[in-house]
Amino acid sequence: MDTPKADKENGLRKMIRQGRQLFRIPENTDHYSAEHFKDAEKIFIKRCVLEGQCGLMQPF
């Protein structure tokens, strides 16, 4: 049986994986260069998925 810490880490990884799927849509993949895509994806995951601020995202 997994420890509570392992369960938390697995849940976090699942949220990050889901966030990547949400971000990887044609609108984003066609818009960003490879370098900027990675940075934008990290910001999206941090703000939207982990902090729950999807509706509050401000443009850079």
Protein backbone atom coordinates (compact mmCIF):
# COMPACT_ATOMS: atom_id res chain seq x y z
CA MET A 1 0.00 0.00 0.00
CA ASP A 2 1.27 3.46 -0.88
CA THR A 3 2.14 5.94 1.82
CA PRO A 4 0.18 9.21 2.03
CA LYS A 5 3.22 11.02 0.60
CA ALA A 6 3.36 8.64 -2.38
CA ASP A 7 -0.38 9.08 -2.95
CA LYS A 8 0.05 12.86 -2.91
CA GLU A 9 2.94 12.68 -5.40
CA ASN A 10 0.96 10.39 -7.70
CA GLY A 11 -2.01 12.76 -7.53
CA LEU A 12 0.20 15.73 -8.34
CA ARG A 13 1.75 13.95 -11.30
CA LYS A 14 -1.73 13.08 -12.56
CA MET A 15 -2.80 16.74 -12.30
CA ILE A 16 0.29 17.86 -14.21
CA ARG A 17 -0.31 15.24 -16.90
CA GLN A 18 -3.92 16.41 -17.27
CA GLY A 19 -2.76 20.03 -17.41
CA ARG A 20 -0.40 19.20 -20.26
CA GLN A 21 -3.27 17.56 -22.15
CA LEU A 22 -5.43 20.65 -21.61
CA PHE A 23 -2.69 22.95 -22.88
CA ARG A 24 -1.62 20.91 -25.91
CA ILE A 25 -4.35 22.07 -28.26
CA PRO A 26 -3.81 23.28 -31.84
CA GLU A 27 -4.34 26.90 -30.80
CA ASN A 28 -1.28 26.68 -28.52
CA THR A 29 0.88 24.26 -30.51
CA ASP A 30 0.51 26.40 -33.65
CA HIS A 31 1.11 29.67 -31.82
CA TYR A 32 4.28 29.08 -29.77
CA SER A 33 7.80 28.23 -30.89
CA ALA A 34 9.22 25.07 -29.28
CA GLU A 35 11.13 27.08 -26.67
CA HIS A 36 8.25 29.38 -25.79
CA PHE A 37 5.76 26.51 -25.80
CA LYS A 38 7.58 24.82 -22.92
CA ASP A 39 7.65 28.03 -20.88
CA ALA A 40 3.98 28.79 -21.57
CA GLU A 41 3.00 25.22 -20.70
CA LYS A 42 4.81 25.47 -17.34
CA ILE A 43 3.06 28.74 -16.54
CA PHE A 44 -0.32 27.28 -17.53
CA ILE A 45 0.18 24.21 -15.35
CA LYS A 46 1.36 26.29 -12.39
CA ARG A 47 -1.40 28.88 -12.53
CA CYS A 48 -4.34 26.97 -13.88
CA VAL A 49 -3.89 23.42 -12.67
CA LEU A 50 -1.95 23.75 -9.43
CA GLU A 51 -3.19 27.16 -8.23
CA GLY A 52 -6.70 26.98 -9.72
CA GLN A 53 -6.48 30.38 -11.42
CA CYS A 54 -7.66 29.37 -14.91
CA GLY A 55 -10.12 32.23 -15.28
CA LEU A 56 -7.73 34.78 -13.83
CA MET A 57 -4.76 34.36 -16.18
CA GLN A 58 -3.31 37.67 -17.29
CA PRO A 59 -1.47 38.09 -20.58
CA PHE A 60 2.31 38.44 -20.27
